[in-house]
Each structure stands twice: as C-alpha cells, then as structure tokens.
C-alpha cells in the first residue's frame, strides 16, 4: 500500500510499488521533500504541501495519467484552497477529480492547519472554480480523460499553498525576495525534470506567472513556451467566457483540438 505521505527525497520507488510506473513519481517525491525544507516568515503563517498529506490521490494522478510522452504540458501556478489543497490534483475540484478523472483516495491533514482553511479531502463540498472550468473544458473536448491525457498533462509549478494569519491566500509571487528565490530554484529544477521526462512539443503557462516561470526554468530554449489565460474567478475576462479565450490562445500557437 502506498504511504499516506510522500516518500523522503532519495527514497527508493520499487517495481512492486504501484506508483512506480510514471517517471513523475520520483520527481514529485524529491520536490515535496525539497519544499518542506524551506522556511517562510510572516505574513505567511501557514504552508500546505498537498504532495505530502494528499500524496495518495496525487501519486495516483501521476501514475494513471503521467506515464507517457505528452504533446502539450500545461503548467499552473500553485494549489487552490478548494482544489489541489483538498485532492492533491492540479486544479483539482473534488467533483471533477472524482467523477471524471476517476480518482478518489484518502487525504491526511497538513501538519499545521488554519482553522478557517480545513483540509477535508474528498469530503470538501466547496467547488474550485478554476478547476471546474479547466476540467469541464477537457471533458467537453475529449469526452474521456485518457483521450485528453494522450496529448496533454497538467502540472502545477509550485506545490505549496500559502496563507496569512487571517486565512487569506498569498500567491508565490508575493513572497519575500529571498523566499521566492529559494522556492523558485526548487520548482524550476522540478519543472525541468518533468519536461525531460515527458518531452512535450510545447509548454503552456496557464496565466502570466506560470508563463514567466516556464521561461525562467526552461531558458535553454529546448521547447517552445506559450501562454494561455488563467480560469480564475478573479479574472474579469475569464468570467465572461474562459473557454473561447483559451481555445483562441491554443489555436494561435498551432495547437489543434478535436
């Protein structure tokens, strides 16, 4: 049985381990351990690492959908409070992960949890708008997840969620400079390893933050990098109709859809 939390960096992933048939599993395990070793000061008071406490569903996502070469790698920013924070899956709205991706597994709790931001795992009833939009689009276009993942894979650049004492979300770009530099160095290495493993023909940053980090991490120019609009409800343009904006952006970059 897979562990409740990510294995320590350098821990062996054996052939008998049901998580071992994706090259992304050891990359994620190393990333989880590396970010756990970082330190963040106020106004950050709580740091959630879903690669740790939600390792079971996250590893299943990697095992099931991240085991082969991809054409397009979609890169998000970091976990949302009602998505990846709850399920471990990028943009992981509970209903989408359970009902379309077919993943449901036990989720533990963060080591230190904000009372206003509990991790309920698949018992969370709040919807993740960004995740609902992204996976609903994939479902509409490809009908079944296997068809979508034959071409695409979704990876979040940063696996950590940051909260202030009030419970307010704090995005990675708002961290102190020294904290950003340490975090970005770790996440850059992981993204580079993911690209090496999946060998995509193009990497697409979902939103400007992810786009900039993709450029920084993949500065050797070995893979073209593009940008697509973020489906966040904080974006007025996304609220007016995110799917047409997404598909226009993909089409402009030569990405064909069914």
Foldseek 3Di string as FASTA:
>chain_A
DDDQFQDAQPDDDDPVHLLPQAPLNNLLSDLLNLVVPADADPLFDDKAFCNTQQVVQLSVLCSVQRRAAAAEEEEEAEDDLQACSQRVAHLHWLCLCCPAVVTADDGGWGPDDQPVRGHPHSVDPDGRQLSCVVSVLLCVQQVHVNRSSNHYDYYYLAHMWTAGNVRDTDGLVRGPPVSNVSRLVSSLVSVVVSCVRRVHQEYEYADDVRQVSPCVSPVVPPHHYYYAYGCHPVDPVNVVPRVVRRVVRCVVVVHDTD
